[in-house]
Amino acid sequence: MMSRCLSCAGPDGFHEPHCQQERDTLRAENARLQARVEELEGVLHGDKGAIADQRAVILKLKAEVKEVAESRRCAWRAIDLLKQDLNQIEALAERRKKALPDPDKLRLLADWFDVDDAAKGRASPTLATLGGQPSDEVQQELRGWAKDIAAAIDATPEEREKEAKR
């Protein structure tokens, strides 16, 4: 079937110059519409690809968020464990600090108890006035105390701090 001119509706198709012009206009419109259809089809296919790409990106981001959340949970657990360790260390240091004798008390004790005599195994004048010579066990313990007292008195603040940390 042959196309007809819409203006003149001539029976033999596009004869007249205005018919030729209309045919060219229709062809141009047809080409424009065909290009638009192809563009929309491309967009449709592209959208499917873009949607798939976006889904992949979203899944990747979800995995990263999950990984970060898990690592944060692990980090918080590690921080909690470190805090517990720190609290235990501080408690231990506090106990050690309390266990160390006060240097002033040590000096008073050293004044009361003659360190040199005890280290040599002799009774100090103070002990002699209290009842004479102590037993061998007491002397041995006194020697140990005397050495500890002498070391504590002669210790520098750094050594005391080191001992407190130990």
N, C-alpha and C. Protein backbone atom coordinates (compact mmCIF):
# COMPACT_ATOMS: atom_id res chain seq x y z
N MET A 1 0.84 -1.17 0.00
CA MET A 1 0.00 0.00 0.00
C MET A 1 0.88 1.23 0.00
N MET A 2 0.49 2.16 -0.72
CA MET A 2 1.26 3.36 -0.90
C MET A 2 0.80 4.44 0.06
N SER A 3 1.75 5.26 0.54
CA SER A 3 1.39 6.35 1.44
C SER A 3 0.77 7.48 0.65
N ARG A 4 -0.12 8.19 1.28
CA ARG A 4 -0.77 9.34 0.62
C ARG A 4 -0.45 10.61 1.35
N CYS A 5 -0.49 11.66 0.66
CA CYS A 5 -0.30 12.98 1.23
C CYS A 5 -1.53 13.32 2.04
N LEU A 6 -1.33 13.79 3.24
CA LEU A 6 -2.47 14.12 4.09
C LEU A 6 -3.10 15.44 3.69
N SER A 7 -2.34 16.28 3.03
CA SER A 7 -2.88 17.59 2.63
C SER A 7 -3.81 17.47 1.44
N CYS A 8 -3.33 16.81 0.41
CA CYS A 8 -4.17 16.78 -0.79
C CYS A 8 -4.85 15.45 -1.01
N ALA A 9 -4.40 14.43 -0.31
CA ALA A 9 -4.99 13.10 -0.42
C ALA A 9 -5.06 12.64 -1.87
N GLY A 10 -3.94 12.91 -2.57
CA GLY A 10 -3.89 12.48 -3.96
C GLY A 10 -3.80 10.98 -4.07
N PRO A 11 -4.38 10.41 -5.13
CA PRO A 11 -4.45 8.97 -5.25
C PRO A 11 -3.13 8.31 -5.60
N ASP A 12 -2.21 9.01 -6.15
CA ASP A 12 -0.98 8.37 -6.62
C ASP A 12 0.21 8.59 -5.69
N GLY A 13 -0.01 8.96 -4.49
CA GLY A 13 1.08 9.18 -3.55
C GLY A 13 1.54 10.61 -3.52
N PHE A 14 2.84 10.80 -3.37
CA PHE A 14 3.41 12.14 -3.17
C PHE A 14 3.88 12.70 -4.51
N HIS A 15 2.98 13.45 -5.17
CA HIS A 15 3.32 14.04 -6.47
C HIS A 15 3.73 15.48 -6.33
N GLU A 16 3.00 16.20 -5.63
CA GLU A 16 3.14 17.65 -5.55
C GLU A 16 4.37 18.02 -4.71
N PRO A 17 4.90 19.22 -4.89
CA PRO A 17 6.03 19.65 -4.07
C PRO A 17 5.69 19.68 -2.58
N HIS A 18 4.48 20.12 -2.25
CA HIS A 18 4.15 20.12 -0.82
C HIS A 18 4.05 18.70 -0.29
N CYS A 19 3.73 17.74 -1.15
CA CYS A 19 3.68 16.34 -0.73
C CYS A 19 5.09 15.85 -0.42
N GLN A 20 6.03 16.25 -1.27
CA GLN A 20 7.44 15.87 -1.06
C GLN A 20 7.94 16.44 0.28
N GLN A 21 7.57 17.66 0.55
CA GLN A 21 7.98 18.32 1.79
C GLN A 21 7.37 17.61 3.00
N GLU A 22 6.12 17.22 2.87
CA GLU A 22 5.47 16.50 3.97
C GLU A 22 6.12 15.15 4.19
N ARG A 23 6.48 14.49 3.09
CA ARG A 23 7.13 13.19 3.21
C ARG A 23 8.47 13.34 3.92
N ASP A 24 9.22 14.36 3.58
CA ASP A 24 10.51 14.59 4.24
C ASP A 24 10.31 14.89 5.73
N THR A 25 9.28 15.65 6.03
CA THR A 25 8.96 15.97 7.42
C THR A 25 8.59 14.70 8.18
N LEU A 26 7.78 13.84 7.55
CA LEU A 26 7.39 12.58 8.20
C LEU A 26 8.60 11.68 8.40
N ARG A 27 9.47 11.61 7.42
CA ARG A 27 10.69 10.79 7.56
C ARG A 27 11.57 11.33 8.70
N ALA A 28 11.72 12.64 8.75
CA ALA A 28 12.53 13.24 9.81
C ALA A 28 11.91 12.96 11.18
N GLU A 29 10.58 13.12 11.25
CA GLU A 29 9.88 12.84 12.51
C GLU A 29 10.03 11.37 12.88
N ASN A 30 9.91 10.49 11.88
CA ASN A 30 10.07 9.06 12.11
C ASN A 30 11.48 8.76 12.61
N ALA A 31 12.48 9.36 11.99
CA ALA A 31 13.87 9.14 12.41
C ALA A 31 14.09 9.66 13.83
N ARG A 32 13.50 10.83 14.13
CA ARG A 32 13.62 11.39 15.48
C ARG A 32 12.97 10.48 16.50
N LEU A 33 11.75 9.98 16.18
CA LEU A 33 11.06 9.07 17.09
C LEU A 33 11.82 7.76 17.25
N GLN A 34 12.36 7.26 16.16
CA GLN A 34 13.14 6.02 16.23
C GLN A 34 14.38 6.21 17.11
N ALA A 35 15.04 7.34 16.96
CA ALA A 35 16.22 7.64 17.79
C ALA A 35 15.82 7.74 19.26
N ARG A 36 14.67 8.35 19.52
CA ARG A 36 14.20 8.47 20.90
C ARG A 36 13.89 7.10 21.49
N VAL A 37 13.26 6.22 20.66
CA VAL A 37 12.97 4.85 21.11
C VAL A 37 14.27 4.14 21.45
N GLU A 38 15.26 4.25 20.60
CA GLU A 38 16.55 3.60 20.86
C GLU A 38 17.21 4.18 22.12
N GLU A 39 17.09 5.49 22.28
CA GLU A 39 17.64 6.13 23.46
C GLU A 39 16.96 5.61 24.72
N LEU A 40 15.63 5.52 24.67
CA LEU A 40 14.89 5.02 25.84
C LEU A 40 15.21 3.56 26.10
N GLU A 41 15.34 2.77 25.04
CA GLU A 41 15.73 1.37 25.23
C GLU A 41 17.11 1.29 25.86
N GLY A 42 18.02 2.14 25.39
CA GLY A 42 19.37 2.17 25.98
C GLY A 42 19.34 2.57 27.43
N VAL A 43 18.50 3.56 27.73
CA VAL A 43 18.36 3.99 29.13
C VAL A 43 17.78 2.86 29.96
N LEU A 44 16.78 2.18 29.38
CA LEU A 44 16.17 1.07 30.10
C LEU A 44 17.20 -0.01 30.39
N HIS A 45 17.95 -0.39 29.36
CA HIS A 45 18.99 -1.40 29.58
C HIS A 45 20.08 -0.84 30.49
N GLY A 46 20.41 0.41 30.28
CA GLY A 46 21.41 1.05 31.14
C GLY A 46 20.93 1.14 32.57
N ASP A 47 19.65 1.43 32.76
CA ASP A 47 19.10 1.48 34.12
C ASP A 47 19.20 0.12 34.78
N LYS A 48 18.92 -0.92 33.99
CA LYS A 48 19.05 -2.26 34.57
C LYS A 48 20.49 -2.51 35.01
N GLY A 49 21.41 -2.10 34.15
CA GLY A 49 22.82 -2.24 34.51
C GLY A 49 23.19 -1.35 35.68
N ALA A 50 22.68 -0.12 35.64
CA ALA A 50 22.96 0.81 36.73
C ALA A 50 22.34 0.33 38.03
N ILE A 51 21.14 -0.21 37.94
CA ILE A 51 20.49 -0.74 39.14
C ILE A 51 21.30 -1.90 39.70
N ALA A 52 21.76 -2.77 38.80
CA ALA A 52 22.58 -3.89 39.26
C ALA A 52 23.88 -3.37 39.88
N ASP A 53 24.47 -2.36 39.25
CA ASP A 53 25.69 -1.77 39.80
C ASP A 53 25.42 -1.14 41.16
N GLN A 54 24.28 -0.44 41.26
CA GLN A 54 23.93 0.20 42.54
C GLN A 54 23.68 -0.85 43.61
N ARG A 55 23.04 -1.95 43.22
CA ARG A 55 22.82 -3.03 44.20
C ARG A 55 24.15 -3.59 44.67
N ALA A 56 25.06 -3.77 43.72
CA ALA A 56 26.38 -4.28 44.10
C ALA A 56 27.09 -3.31 45.04
N VAL A 57 26.98 -2.02 44.73
CA VAL A 57 27.60 -1.01 45.59
C VAL A 57 26.95 -1.01 46.97
N ILE A 58 25.63 -1.11 46.99
CA ILE A 58 24.90 -1.13 48.27
C ILE A 58 25.30 -2.36 49.08
N LEU A 59 25.37 -3.52 48.43
CA LEU A 59 25.78 -4.73 49.14
C LEU A 59 27.21 -4.60 49.67
N LYS A 60 28.07 -4.01 48.86
CA LYS A 60 29.45 -3.81 49.29
C LYS A 60 29.50 -2.87 50.49
N LEU A 61 28.72 -1.78 50.43
CA LEU A 61 28.69 -0.84 51.55
C LEU A 61 28.12 -1.48 52.81
N LYS A 62 27.07 -2.30 52.62
CA LYS A 62 26.51 -3.01 53.78
C LYS A 62 27.56 -3.91 54.41
N ALA A 63 28.32 -4.62 53.56
CA ALA A 63 29.37 -5.50 54.08
C ALA A 63 30.44 -4.69 54.82
N GLU A 64 30.81 -3.53 54.25
CA GLU A 64 31.80 -2.69 54.91
C GLU A 64 31.28 -2.16 56.24
N VAL A 65 30.01 -1.75 56.25
CA VAL A 65 29.41 -1.25 57.50
C VAL A 65 29.39 -2.37 58.54
N LYS A 66 29.04 -3.56 58.11
CA LYS A 66 29.01 -4.70 59.03
C LYS A 66 30.41 -4.99 59.55
N GLU A 67 31.40 -4.92 58.65
CA GLU A 67 32.78 -5.17 59.05
C GLU A 67 33.26 -4.10 60.03
N VAL A 68 32.93 -2.85 59.74
CA VAL A 68 33.33 -1.76 60.63
C VAL A 68 32.64 -1.91 61.99
N ALA A 69 31.36 -2.26 61.95
CA ALA A 69 30.63 -2.44 63.21
C ALA A 69 31.25 -3.58 64.02
N GLU A 70 31.61 -4.66 63.34
CA GLU A 70 32.22 -5.79 64.04
C GLU A 70 33.59 -5.39 64.60
N SER A 71 34.36 -4.66 63.79
CA SER A 71 35.68 -4.24 64.28
C SER A 71 35.53 -3.25 65.44
N ARG A 72 34.49 -2.41 65.38
CA ARG A 72 34.25 -1.50 66.51
C ARG A 72 33.88 -2.29 67.76
N ARG A 73 33.03 -3.32 67.57
CA ARG A 73 32.68 -4.15 68.73
C ARG A 73 33.94 -4.80 69.29
N CYS A 74 34.78 -5.32 68.39
CA CYS A 74 36.03 -5.94 68.84
C CYS A 74 36.92 -4.90 69.53
N ALA A 75 36.96 -3.70 68.95
CA ALA A 75 37.78 -2.65 69.55
C ALA A 75 37.25 -2.29 70.94
N TRP A 76 35.93 -2.19 71.07
CA TRP A 76 35.36 -1.86 72.38
C TRP A 76 35.63 -2.98 73.37
N ARG A 77 35.56 -4.25 72.88
CA ARG A 77 35.88 -5.36 73.78
C ARG A 77 37.34 -5.28 74.21
N ALA A 78 38.22 -4.98 73.25
CA ALA A 78 39.64 -4.85 73.58
C ALA A 78 39.87 -3.70 74.56
N ILE A 79 39.18 -2.59 74.34
CA ILE A 79 39.31 -1.45 75.25
C ILE A 79 38.82 -1.84 76.64
N ASP A 80 37.70 -2.56 76.71
CA ASP A 80 37.19 -3.00 78.01
C ASP A 80 38.20 -3.91 78.71
N LEU A 81 38.79 -4.84 77.93
CA LEU A 81 39.79 -5.73 78.52
C LEU A 81 41.01 -4.94 78.99
N LEU A 82 41.43 -3.97 78.19
CA LEU A 82 42.56 -3.14 78.60
C LEU A 82 42.24 -2.34 79.86
N LYS A 83 41.00 -1.84 79.94
CA LYS A 83 40.59 -1.11 81.14
C LYS A 83 40.62 -2.03 82.36
N GLN A 84 40.13 -3.26 82.17
CA GLN A 84 40.17 -4.22 83.28
C GLN A 84 41.61 -4.49 83.70
N ASP A 85 42.49 -4.70 82.69
CA ASP A 85 43.90 -4.93 83.00
C ASP A 85 44.50 -3.73 83.73
N LEU A 86 44.17 -2.53 83.25
CA LEU A 86 44.69 -1.32 83.88
C LEU A 86 44.19 -1.21 85.31
N ASN A 87 42.92 -1.51 85.53
CA ASN A 87 42.37 -1.47 86.89
C ASN A 87 43.08 -2.48 87.78
N GLN A 88 43.34 -3.68 87.24
CA GLN A 88 44.05 -4.69 88.02
C GLN A 88 45.48 -4.23 88.33
N ILE A 89 46.12 -3.63 87.33
CA ILE A 89 47.49 -3.15 87.54
C ILE A 89 47.50 -2.03 88.58
N GLU A 90 46.53 -1.11 88.47
CA GLU A 90 46.46 -0.02 89.44
C GLU A 90 46.19 -0.56 90.84
N ALA A 91 45.30 -1.55 90.94
CA ALA A 91 45.01 -2.14 92.25
C ALA A 91 46.26 -2.83 92.81
N LEU A 92 46.97 -3.55 91.94
CA LEU A 92 48.19 -4.21 92.38
C LEU A 92 49.24 -3.19 92.81
N ALA A 93 49.37 -2.12 92.04
CA ALA A 93 50.33 -1.07 92.40
C ALA A 93 49.95 -0.42 93.72
N GLU A 94 48.66 -0.22 93.92
CA GLU A 94 48.20 0.38 95.17
C GLU A 94 48.50 -0.55 96.35
N ARG A 95 48.27 -1.86 96.15
CA ARG A 95 48.58 -2.81 97.23
C ARG A 95 50.08 -2.84 97.51
N ARG A 96 50.88 -2.81 96.43
CA ARG A 96 52.32 -2.81 96.60
C ARG A 96 52.78 -1.54 97.33
N LYS A 97 52.16 -0.44 96.92
CA LYS A 97 52.51 0.84 97.54
C LYS A 97 52.19 0.81 99.03
N LYS A 98 51.04 0.22 99.35
CA LYS A 98 50.66 0.12 100.76
C LYS A 98 51.58 -0.86 101.49
N ALA A 99 52.08 -1.87 100.77
CA ALA A 99 52.94 -2.86 101.40
C ALA A 99 54.33 -2.31 101.69
N LEU A 100 54.75 -1.33 100.89
CA LEU A 100 56.06 -0.74 101.14
C LEU A 100 56.01 0.08 102.42
N PRO A 101 57.01 -0.08 103.23
CA PRO A 101 57.01 0.71 104.46
C PRO A 101 57.28 2.18 104.17
N ASP A 102 56.72 3.01 104.96
CA ASP A 102 56.92 4.45 104.84
C ASP A 102 58.36 4.76 105.25
N PRO A 103 59.10 5.55 104.47
CA PRO A 103 60.50 5.84 104.81
C PRO A 103 60.66 6.49 106.18
N ASP A 104 59.71 7.32 106.58
CA ASP A 104 59.81 7.94 107.91
C ASP A 104 59.70 6.88 109.00
N LYS A 105 58.78 5.93 108.81
CA LYS A 105 58.65 4.85 109.80
C LYS A 105 59.90 3.99 109.81
N LEU A 106 60.49 3.80 108.64
CA LEU A 106 61.73 3.02 108.58
C LEU A 106 62.85 3.71 109.36
N ARG A 107 62.93 5.01 109.23
CA ARG A 107 63.96 5.75 109.96
C ARG A 107 63.74 5.63 111.48
N LEU A 108 62.47 5.74 111.87
CA LEU A 108 62.17 5.57 113.30
C LEU A 108 62.55 4.18 113.78
N LEU A 109 62.22 3.18 112.95
CA LEU A 109 62.56 1.81 113.31
C LEU A 109 64.07 1.64 113.34
N ALA A 110 64.76 2.24 112.37
CA ALA A 110 66.22 2.14 112.34
C ALA A 110 66.83 2.82 113.56
N ASP A 111 66.24 3.93 113.96
CA ASP A 111 66.73 4.59 115.17
C ASP A 111 66.51 3.71 116.40
N TRP A 112 65.39 3.03 116.43
CA TRP A 112 65.08 2.18 117.58
C TRP A 112 65.91 0.92 117.56
N PHE A 113 66.16 0.41 116.34
CA PHE A 113 66.86 -0.86 116.19
C PHE A 113 68.17 -0.59 115.48
N ASP A 114 69.25 -0.90 116.10
CA ASP A 114 70.57 -0.63 115.53
C ASP A 114 70.82 -1.59 114.36
N VAL A 115 70.80 -1.04 113.17
CA VAL A 115 70.89 -1.87 111.96
C VAL A 115 72.23 -2.57 111.88
N ASP A 116 73.28 -1.87 112.17
CA ASP A 116 74.61 -2.47 112.04
C ASP A 116 74.79 -3.65 113.00
N ASP A 117 74.33 -3.49 114.23
CA ASP A 117 74.46 -4.58 115.19
C ASP A 117 73.64 -5.78 114.76
N ALA A 118 72.44 -5.55 114.29
CA ALA A 118 71.58 -6.67 113.89
C ALA A 118 72.15 -7.37 112.67
N ALA A 119 72.73 -6.61 111.77
CA ALA A 119 73.32 -7.22 110.58
C ALA A 119 74.51 -8.08 110.97
N LYS A 120 75.19 -7.71 112.04
CA LYS A 120 76.35 -8.49 112.47
C LYS A 120 75.94 -9.61 113.43
N GLY A 121 74.68 -9.68 113.76
CA GLY A 121 74.20 -10.76 114.62
C GLY A 121 74.27 -10.44 116.09
N ARG A 122 74.55 -9.21 116.42
CA ARG A 122 74.59 -8.82 117.82
C ARG A 122 73.28 -8.16 118.20
N ALA A 123 72.98 -8.22 119.43
CA ALA A 123 71.78 -7.55 119.91
C ALA A 123 72.06 -6.06 120.01
N SER A 124 71.08 -5.29 119.64
CA SER A 124 71.24 -3.84 119.74
C SER A 124 71.13 -3.44 121.21
N PRO A 125 71.62 -2.26 121.52
CA PRO A 125 71.48 -1.81 122.91
C PRO A 125 70.02 -1.77 123.35
N THR A 126 69.14 -1.44 122.41
CA THR A 126 67.72 -1.39 122.76
C THR A 126 67.22 -2.77 123.12
N LEU A 127 67.60 -3.78 122.30
CA LEU A 127 67.17 -5.15 122.60
C LEU A 127 67.81 -5.64 123.90
N ALA A 128 69.02 -5.24 124.13
CA ALA A 128 69.71 -5.68 125.34
C ALA A 128 68.98 -5.15 126.57
N THR A 129 68.47 -3.95 126.46
CA THR A 129 67.75 -3.40 127.61
C THR A 129 66.40 -4.08 127.78
N LEU A 130 65.87 -4.65 126.66
CA LEU A 130 64.56 -5.29 126.74
C LEU A 130 64.66 -6.73 127.23
N GLY A 131 65.81 -7.30 127.27
CA GLY A 131 65.84 -8.65 127.79
C GLY A 131 66.98 -9.47 127.28
N GLY A 132 67.94 -8.88 126.69
CA GLY A 132 69.13 -9.63 126.33
C GLY A 132 69.16 -10.11 124.90
N GLN A 133 69.82 -11.24 124.72
CA GLN A 133 70.11 -11.79 123.39
C GLN A 133 68.88 -12.50 122.83
N PRO A 134 68.48 -12.18 121.56
CA PRO A 134 67.36 -12.89 120.96
C PRO A 134 67.77 -14.28 120.48
N SER A 135 66.79 -15.14 120.24
CA SER A 135 67.07 -16.50 119.77
C SER A 135 67.64 -16.44 118.35
N ASP A 136 68.18 -17.59 117.91
CA ASP A 136 68.77 -17.65 116.56
C ASP A 136 67.75 -17.34 115.47
N GLU A 137 66.54 -17.86 115.61
CA GLU A 137 65.49 -17.59 114.61
C GLU A 137 65.18 -16.10 114.55
N VAL A 138 65.06 -15.51 115.72
CA VAL A 138 64.76 -14.08 115.78
C VAL A 138 65.92 -13.28 115.20
N GLN A 139 67.15 -13.72 115.53
CA GLN A 139 68.32 -13.02 114.99
C GLN A 139 68.34 -13.10 113.46
N GLN A 140 68.04 -14.28 112.94
CA GLN A 140 68.04 -14.44 111.48
C GLN A 140 66.97 -13.54 110.85
N GLU A 141 65.81 -13.51 111.45
CA GLU A 141 64.75 -12.66 110.93
C GLU A 141 65.13 -11.19 111.07
N LEU A 142 65.75 -10.84 112.17
CA LEU A 142 66.19 -9.47 112.38
C LEU A 142 67.24 -9.06 111.35
N ARG A 143 68.14 -10.01 111.02
CA ARG A 143 69.15 -9.72 110.00
C ARG A 143 68.47 -9.41 108.66
N GLY A 144 67.47 -10.22 108.31
CA GLY A 144 66.73 -9.98 107.07
C GLY A 144 66.04 -8.63 107.08
N TRP A 145 65.42 -8.34 108.21
CA TRP A 145 64.76 -7.04 108.34
C TRP A 145 65.77 -5.91 108.24
N ALA A 146 66.89 -6.11 108.89
CA ALA A 146 67.91 -5.07 108.91
C ALA A 146 68.40 -4.78 107.49
N LYS A 147 68.63 -5.83 106.73
CA LYS A 147 69.07 -5.64 105.35
C LYS A 147 68.00 -4.93 104.53
N ASP A 148 66.74 -5.36 104.73
CA ASP A 148 65.64 -4.71 104.00
C ASP A 148 65.51 -3.25 104.40
N ILE A 149 65.65 -3.00 105.70
CA ILE A 149 65.53 -1.62 106.19
C ILE A 149 66.67 -0.77 105.64
N ALA A 150 67.88 -1.32 105.70
CA ALA A 150 69.03 -0.57 105.20
C ALA A 150 68.88 -0.28 103.71
N ALA A 151 68.41 -1.27 102.97
CA ALA A 151 68.21 -1.07 101.52
C ALA A 151 67.13 -0.03 101.27
N ALA A 152 66.06 -0.07 102.07
CA ALA A 152 64.97 0.88 101.87
C ALA A 152 65.39 2.29 102.24
N ILE A 153 66.21 2.41 103.28
CA ILE A 153 66.66 3.74 103.68
C ILE A 153 67.62 4.31 102.64
N ASP A 154 68.50 3.47 102.14
CA ASP A 154 69.50 3.92 101.16
C ASP A 154 68.94 4.04 99.75
N ALA A 155 67.74 3.54 99.54
CA ALA A 155 67.17 3.54 98.18
C ALA A 155 66.85 4.95 97.72
N THR A 156 67.09 5.17 96.45
CA THR A 156 66.72 6.46 95.85
C THR A 156 65.22 6.43 95.54
N PRO A 157 64.63 7.60 95.31
CA PRO A 157 63.20 7.62 94.96
C PRO A 157 62.89 6.77 93.72
N GLU A 158 63.83 6.74 92.76
CA GLU A 158 63.60 5.93 91.56
C GLU A 158 63.55 4.44 91.90
N GLU A 159 64.47 4.03 92.79
CA GLU A 159 64.48 2.62 93.20
C GLU A 159 63.22 2.27 93.97
N ARG A 160 62.76 3.19 94.81
CA ARG A 160 61.52 2.94 95.54
C ARG A 160 60.34 2.81 94.58
N GLU A 161 60.33 3.70 93.58
CA GLU A 161 59.25 3.64 92.59
C GLU A 161 59.31 2.34 91.80
N LYS A 162 60.52 1.93 91.45
CA LYS A 162 60.70 0.67 90.72
C LYS A 162 60.21 -0.50 91.58
N GLU A 163 60.55 -0.46 92.85
CA GLU A 163 60.11 -1.51 93.77
C GLU A 163 58.60 -1.51 93.92
N ALA A 164 58.02 -0.31 93.93
CA ALA A 164 56.57 -0.20 94.06
C ALA A 164 55.88 -0.79 92.84
N LYS A 165 56.49 -0.59 91.68
CA LYS A 165 55.89 -1.15 90.45
C LYS A 165 56.02 -2.65 90.40
N ARG A 166 57.08 -3.17 91.02
CA ARG A 166 57.29 -4.60 91.01
C ARG A 166 56.30 -5.23 91.95
